[in-house]
C-alpha atoms as a PDB file:
ATOM      1  CA  UNK A   1      79.161 189.419-130.859  1.00  0.00           C
ATOM      2  CA  UNK A   2      76.557 190.639-133.489  1.00  0.00           C
ATOM      3  CA  UNK A   3      78.481 189.160-136.242  1.00  0.00           C
ATOM      4  CA  UNK A   4      79.436 186.396-133.913  1.00  0.00           C
ATOM      5  CA  UNK A   5      75.608 185.767-134.210  1.00  0.00           C
ATOM      6  CA  UNK A   6      75.769 186.631-137.867  1.00  0.00           C
ATOM      7  CA  UNK A   7      78.010 183.322-138.266  1.00  0.00           C
ATOM      8  CA  UNK A   8      75.775 181.440-136.369  1.00  0.00           C
ATOM      9  CA  UNK A   9      72.888 181.559-139.183  1.00  0.00           C
ATOM     10  CA  UNK A  10      75.294 182.025-142.029  1.00  0.00           C
ATOM     11  CA  UNK A  11      74.901 179.669-144.748  1.00  0.00           C
ATOM     12  CA  UNK A  12      78.447 177.149-145.115  1.00  0.00           C
ATOM     13  CA  UNK A  13      77.763 177.101-149.124  1.00  0.00           C
ATOM     14  CA  UNK A  14      76.262 178.917-151.218  1.00  0.00           C
ATOM     15  CA  UNK A  15      73.396 176.686-153.250  1.00  0.00           C
ATOM     16  CA  UNK A  16      70.584 177.822-155.061  1.00  0.00           C
ATOM     17  CA  UNK A  17      68.512 177.121-152.205  1.00  0.00           C
ATOM     18  CA  UNK A  18      70.393 178.942-149.878  1.00  0.00           C
ATOM     19  CA  UNK A  19      71.037 182.151-151.955  1.00  0.00           C
ATOM     20  CA  UNK A  20      68.436 183.832-150.936  1.00  0.00           C
ATOM     21  CA  UNK A  21      69.286 183.755-147.115  1.00  0.00           C
ATOM     22  CA  UNK A  22      73.111 184.147-148.096  1.00  0.00           C
ATOM     23  CA  UNK A  23      72.432 187.684-150.261  1.00  0.00           C
ATOM     24  CA  UNK A  24      69.604 188.670-147.678  1.00  0.00           C
ATOM     25  CA  UNK A  25      71.949 187.923-144.503  1.00  0.00           C
ATOM     26  CA  UNK A  26      75.016 190.046-146.379  1.00  0.00           C
ATOM     27  CA  UNK A  27      72.272 192.703-147.158  1.00  0.00           C
ATOM     28  CA  UNK A  28      71.300 193.204-143.960  1.00  0.00           C
ATOM     29  CA  UNK A  29      75.608 193.021-142.346  1.00  0.00           C
ATOM     30  CA  UNK A  30      76.449 196.073-144.647  1.00  0.00           C
ATOM     31  CA  UNK A  31      75.918 198.602-141.896  1.00  0.00           C
ATOM     32  CA  UNK A  32      77.478 196.141-139.014  1.00  0.00           C
ATOM     33  CA  UNK A  33      80.737 194.748-140.746  1.00  0.00           C
ATOM     34  CA  UNK A  34      82.629 198.470-140.651  1.00  0.00           C
ATOM     35  CA  UNK A  35      81.320 198.852-136.310  1.00  0.00           C
ATOM     36  CA  UNK A  36      83.853 196.180-135.987  1.00  0.00           C
ATOM     37  CA  UNK A  37      86.604 199.497-136.263  1.00  0.00           C
ATOM     38  CA  UNK A  38      84.882 200.995-133.322  1.00  0.00           C
ATOM     39  CA  UNK A  39      87.013 198.908-130.655  1.00  0.00           C
ATOM     40  CA  UNK A  40      90.222 201.027-132.405  1.00  0.00           C
ATOM     41  CA  UNK A  41      88.684 203.873-133.062  1.00  0.00           C
ATOM     42  CA  UNK A  42      87.090 204.819-129.825  1.00  0.00           C
ATOM     43  CA  UNK A  43      90.205 204.721-127.708  1.00  0.00           C
ATOM     44  CA  UNK A  44      92.010 207.112-130.074  1.00  0.00           C
ATOM     45  CA  UNK A  45      89.242 209.470-130.378  1.00  0.00           C
ATOM     46  CA  UNK A  46      90.472 213.129-130.039  1.00  0.00           C
ATOM     47  CA  UNK A  47      92.640 215.163-132.355  1.00  0.00           C
ATOM     48  CA  UNK A  48      95.785 213.275-132.837  1.00  0.00           C
ATOM     49  CA  UNK A  49      98.839 214.988-131.845  1.00  0.00           C
ATOM     50  CA  UNK A  50     102.211 215.949-133.723  1.00  0.00           C
ATOM     51  CA  UNK A  51     104.122 213.194-132.073  1.00  0.00           C
ATOM     52  CA  UNK A  52     104.464 209.268-132.815  1.00  0.00           C
ATOM     53  CA  UNK A  53     101.286 208.739-131.266  1.00  0.00           C
ATOM     54  CA  UNK A  54     100.226 210.976-133.727  1.00  0.00           C
ATOM     55  CA  UNK A  55     101.079 209.390-136.756  1.00  0.00           C
ATOM     56  CA  UNK A  56     100.134 206.229-135.344  1.00  0.00           C
ATOM     57  CA  UNK A  57      96.616 207.147-134.423  1.00  0.00           C
ATOM     58  CA  UNK A  58      96.246 208.323-138.210  1.00  0.00           C
ATOM     59  CA  UNK A  59      98.252 205.395-139.658  1.00  0.00           C
ATOM     60  CA  UNK A  60      95.013 203.368-137.156  1.00  0.00           C
ATOM     61  CA  UNK A  61      92.245 205.517-138.890  1.00  0.00           C
ATOM     62  CA  UNK A  62      93.564 205.162-142.198  1.00  0.00           C
ATOM     63  CA  UNK A  63      93.455 201.282-141.581  1.00  0.00           C
ATOM     64  CA  UNK A  64      90.362 201.250-140.444  1.00  0.00           C
ATOM     65  CA  UNK A  65      89.141 203.237-143.500  1.00  0.00           C
ATOM     66  CA  UNK A  66      90.828 200.742-145.868  1.00  0.00           C
ATOM     67  CA  UNK A  67      88.781 197.565-143.953  1.00  0.00           C
ATOM     68  CA  UNK A  68      85.623 200.004-143.745  1.00  0.00           C
ATOM     69  CA  UNK A  69      86.195 200.127-147.653  1.00  0.00           C
ATOM     70  CA  UNK A  70      87.514 196.699-149.022  1.00  0.00           C
ATOM     71  CA  UNK A  71      85.174 194.267-146.322  1.00  0.00           C
ATOM     72  CA  UNK A  72      82.511 196.248-147.530  1.00  0.00           C
ATOM     73  CA  UNK A  73      83.943 195.007-150.971  1.00  0.00           C
ATOM     74  CA  UNK A  74      84.022 191.589-150.139  1.00  0.00           C
ATOM     75  CA  UNK A  75      80.275 191.525-148.257  1.00  0.00           C
ATOM     76  CA  UNK A  76      79.219 193.008-151.634  1.00  0.00           C
ATOM     77  CA  UNK A  77      80.486 190.942-154.608  1.00  0.00           C
ATOM     78  CA  UNK A  78      81.182 187.364-152.784  1.00  0.00           C
ATOM     79  CA  UNK A  79      77.650 188.273-150.113  1.00  0.00           C
ATOM     80  CA  UNK A  80      75.212 190.347-152.179  1.00  0.00           C
ATOM     81  CA  UNK A  81      76.310 189.755-155.731  1.00  0.00           C
ATOM     82  CA  UNK A  82      77.301 186.217-155.720  1.00  0.00           C
ATOM     83  CA  UNK A  83      73.987 185.106-153.725  1.00  0.00           C
ATOM     84  CA  UNK A  84      72.039 187.034-156.173  1.00  0.00           C
ATOM     85  CA  UNK A  85      73.703 185.267-159.171  1.00  0.00           C
ATOM     86  CA  UNK A  86      73.407 181.581-157.775  1.00  0.00           C
ATOM     87  CA  UNK A  87      69.367 182.356-157.164  1.00  0.00           C
ATOM     88  CA  UNK A  88      69.344 182.513-160.756  1.00  0.00           C
ATOM     89  CA  UNK A  89      70.869 179.194-161.457  1.00  0.00           C
ATOM     90  CA  UNK A  90      74.463 179.927-161.730  1.00  0.00           C
ATOM     91  CA  UNK A  91      76.584 178.064-159.064  1.00  0.00           C
ATOM     92  CA  UNK A  92      80.040 177.397-160.610  1.00  0.00           C
ATOM     93  CA  UNK A  93      82.087 179.610-163.109  1.00  0.00           C
ATOM     94  CA  UNK A  94      80.176 183.324-162.629  1.00  0.00           C
ATOM     95  CA  UNK A  95      79.860 182.291-158.644  1.00  0.00           C
ATOM     96  CA  UNK A  96      83.830 181.422-158.606  1.00  0.00           C
ATOM     97  CA  UNK A  97      84.776 184.460-160.066  1.00  0.00           C
ATOM     98  CA  UNK A  98      82.753 186.852-157.929  1.00  0.00           C
ATOM     99  CA  UNK A  99      84.005 184.838-154.750  1.00  0.00           C
ATOM    100  CA  UNK A 100      87.577 185.377-156.090  1.00  0.00           C
ATOM    101  CA  UNK A 101      87.076 188.729-156.736  1.00  0.00           C
ATOM    102  CA  UNK A 102      85.370 189.150-153.182  1.00  0.00           C
ATOM    103  CA  UNK A 103      88.442 187.395-151.105  1.00  0.00           C
ATOM    104  CA  UNK A 104      90.970 189.523-152.719  1.00  0.00           C
ATOM    105  CA  UNK A 105      89.051 192.776-151.630  1.00  0.00           C
ATOM    106  CA  UNK A 106      88.359 191.189-148.203  1.00  0.00           C
ATOM    107  CA  UNK A 107      92.022 190.018-147.906  1.00  0.00           C
ATOM    108  CA  UNK A 108      92.875 194.208-148.316  1.00  0.00           C
ATOM    109  CA  UNK A 109      90.127 194.800-145.584  1.00  0.00           C
ATOM    110  CA  UNK A 110      91.740 192.937-143.456  1.00  0.00           C
ATOM    111  CA  UNK A 111      95.434 193.445-143.948  1.00  0.00           C
ATOM    112  CA  UNK A 112      94.240 197.212-143.578  1.00  0.00           C
ATOM    113  CA  UNK A 113      92.077 195.908-139.944  1.00  0.00           C
ATOM    114  CA  UNK A 114      95.579 194.589-138.925  1.00  0.00           C
ATOM    115  CA  UNK A 115      97.960 197.629-139.887  1.00  0.00           C
ATOM    116  CA  UNK A 116      95.210 199.751-137.596  1.00  0.00           C
ATOM    117  CA  UNK A 117      94.902 197.053-134.811  1.00  0.00           C
ATOM    118  CA  UNK A 118      99.148 197.098-134.701  1.00  0.00           C
ATOM    119  CA  UNK A 119      98.946 200.984-134.631  1.00  0.00           C
ATOM    120  CA  UNK A 120      95.943 201.429-131.771  1.00  0.00           C
ATOM    121  CA  UNK A 121      98.304 198.757-129.699  1.00  0.00           C
ATOM    122  CA  UNK A 122     101.462 200.833-130.137  1.00  0.00           C
ATOM    123  CA  UNK A 123      99.573 203.986-129.333  1.00  0.00           C
ATOM    124  CA  UNK A 124      97.978 202.014-126.226  1.00  0.00           C
ATOM    125  CA  UNK A 125     101.116 200.616-125.222  1.00  0.00           C
ATOM    126  CA  UNK A 126     102.999 203.789-125.320  1.00  0.00           C
ATOM    127  CA  UNK A 127      99.772 205.564-122.930  1.00  0.00           C
ATOM    128  CA  UNK A 128      99.446 202.005-120.626  1.00  0.00           C
ATOM    129  CA  UNK A 129     102.468 199.455-120.521  1.00  0.00           C
ATOM    130  CA  UNK A 130     102.388 196.184-120.963  1.00  0.00           C
ATOM    131  CA  UNK A 131      99.188 195.751-119.445  1.00  0.00           C
ATOM    132  CA  UNK A 132      97.803 196.280-123.567  1.00  0.00           C
ATOM    133  CA  UNK A 133      99.543 193.080-124.429  1.00  0.00           C
ATOM    134  CA  UNK A 134      97.179 190.605-123.589  1.00  0.00           C
ATOM    135  CA  UNK A 135      94.408 192.236-125.659  1.00  0.00           C
ATOM    136  CA  UNK A 136      96.918 193.069-128.419  1.00  0.00           C
ATOM    137  CA  UNK A 137      98.003 189.479-128.719  1.00  0.00           C
ATOM    138  CA  UNK A 138      93.795 188.272-128.971  1.00  0.00           C
ATOM    139  CA  UNK A 139      93.305 191.544-131.014  1.00  0.00           C
ATOM    140  CA  UNK A 140      96.500 190.709-133.849  1.00  0.00           C
ATOM    141  CA  UNK A 141      95.643 186.633-133.501  1.00  0.00           C
ATOM    142  CA  UNK A 142      91.802 187.879-134.327  1.00  0.00           C
ATOM    143  CA  UNK A 143      93.177 189.575-137.629  1.00  0.00           C
ATOM    144  CA  UNK A 144      95.473 186.362-138.428  1.00  0.00           C
ATOM    145  CA  UNK A 145      91.987 184.157-138.545  1.00  0.00           C
ATOM    146  CA  UNK A 146      89.581 186.879-139.990  1.00  0.00           C
ATOM    147  CA  UNK A 147      92.072 186.460-143.045  1.00  0.00           C
ATOM    148  CA  UNK A 148      90.113 183.334-144.089  1.00  0.00           C
ATOM    149  CA  UNK A 149      87.524 182.843-141.748  1.00  0.00           C
ATOM    150  CA  UNK A 150      84.781 185.408-142.790  1.00  0.00           C
ATOM    151  CA  UNK A 151      81.885 185.117-139.959  1.00  0.00           C
ATOM    152  CA  UNK A 152      81.951 180.751-140.971  1.00  0.00           C
ATOM    153  CA  UNK A 153      81.115 178.935-138.338  1.00  0.00           C
ATOM    154  CA  UNK A 154      82.961 177.281-136.507  1.00  0.00           C
ATOM    155  CA  UNK A 155      86.496 179.492-136.962  1.00  0.00           C
ATOM    156  CA  UNK A 156      84.754 182.811-137.886  1.00  0.00           C
ATOM    157  CA  UNK A 157      82.077 182.693-135.423  1.00  0.00           C
ATOM    158  CA  UNK A 158      85.122 182.325-133.000  1.00  0.00           C
ATOM    159  CA  UNK A 159      87.367 184.955-134.738  1.00  0.00           C
ATOM    160  CA  UNK A 160      84.567 187.669-133.947  1.00  0.00           C
ATOM    161  CA  UNK A 161      84.511 186.780-130.319  1.00  0.00           C
ATOM    162  CA  UNK A 162      88.268 186.802-130.523  1.00  0.00           C
ATOM    163  CA  UNK A 163      87.752 190.694-131.666  1.00  0.00           C
ATOM    164  CA  UNK A 164      85.457 191.017-128.870  1.00  0.00           C
ATOM    165  CA  UNK A 165      87.672 189.897-126.166  1.00  0.00           C
ATOM    166  CA  UNK A 166      90.454 191.999-127.143  1.00  0.00           C
ATOM    167  CA  UNK A 167      88.661 195.095-127.118  1.00  0.00           C
ATOM    168  CA  UNK A 168      87.096 194.284-123.116  1.00  0.00           C
ATOM    169  CA  UNK A 169      90.810 193.562-122.960  1.00  0.00           C
ATOM    170  CA  UNK A 170      92.110 196.451-123.981  1.00  0.00           C
ATOM    171  CA  UNK A 171      89.326 198.096-122.323  1.00  0.00           C
ATOM    172  CA  UNK A 172      90.366 197.117-119.021  1.00  0.00           C
ATOM    173  CA  UNK A 173      94.156 197.682-119.665  1.00  0.00           C
ATOM    174  CA  UNK A 174      93.606 201.082-120.396  1.00  0.00           C
ATOM    175  CA  UNK A 175      90.455 202.296-117.817  1.00  0.00           C
ATOM    176  CA  UNK A 176      93.144 203.367-115.782  1.00  0.00           C
ATOM    177  CA  UNK A 177      95.606 205.743-116.336  1.00  0.00           C
ATOM    178  CA  UNK A 178      99.103 205.032-117.548  1.00  0.00           C
ATOM    179  CA  UNK A 179     102.191 205.608-115.723  1.00  0.00           C
ATOM    180  CA  UNK A 180     103.056 208.819-117.567  1.00  0.00           C
ATOM    181  CA  UNK A 181      99.771 210.251-116.156  1.00  0.00           C
ATOM    182  CA  UNK A 182     100.533 209.350-112.673  1.00  0.00           C
ATOM    183  CA  UNK A 183     101.625 212.674-110.208  1.00  0.00           C
ATOM    184  CA  UNK A 184     102.982 212.702-106.714  1.00  0.00           C
ATOM    185  CA  UNK A 185      99.936 213.362-104.029  1.00  0.00           C
END
């Protein structure tokens, strides 16, 4: 939700006038962007088993790490660096190259997030059955939208809200024991 709120105040365009706000917002968001994966890590908490679920759990963790590393790269390059350069009057060539490099980093990060999301949903599906499907569909839709929306208004804000809704749906779906855990009284 914090990322959705940040999207409401994120400048739509980087100009010399918005550069300070642009860079400052991205500095403030550095510790926030990686927290997005908590919705994937918390349901998989604990030592992975030595089976398919364990392998999927490790894959989810690796995807979360990929997202955190590469999406922070986007934030540093296209957010902080581009904002700093634009504040000093360069808004075309150098900033464009920083945006291009940042976009590539962000794309890799979101692909990592999508892999982590798929792996997490597969584990949760194995544990809790089809009731995780609504959350999984919303989560994967948010990942797809995140590829090119960042947190920009309006689509990026709705994308961040989509992640929040997906995590809420998955939490509700997994709050009851799965069928594998039911026992006869």
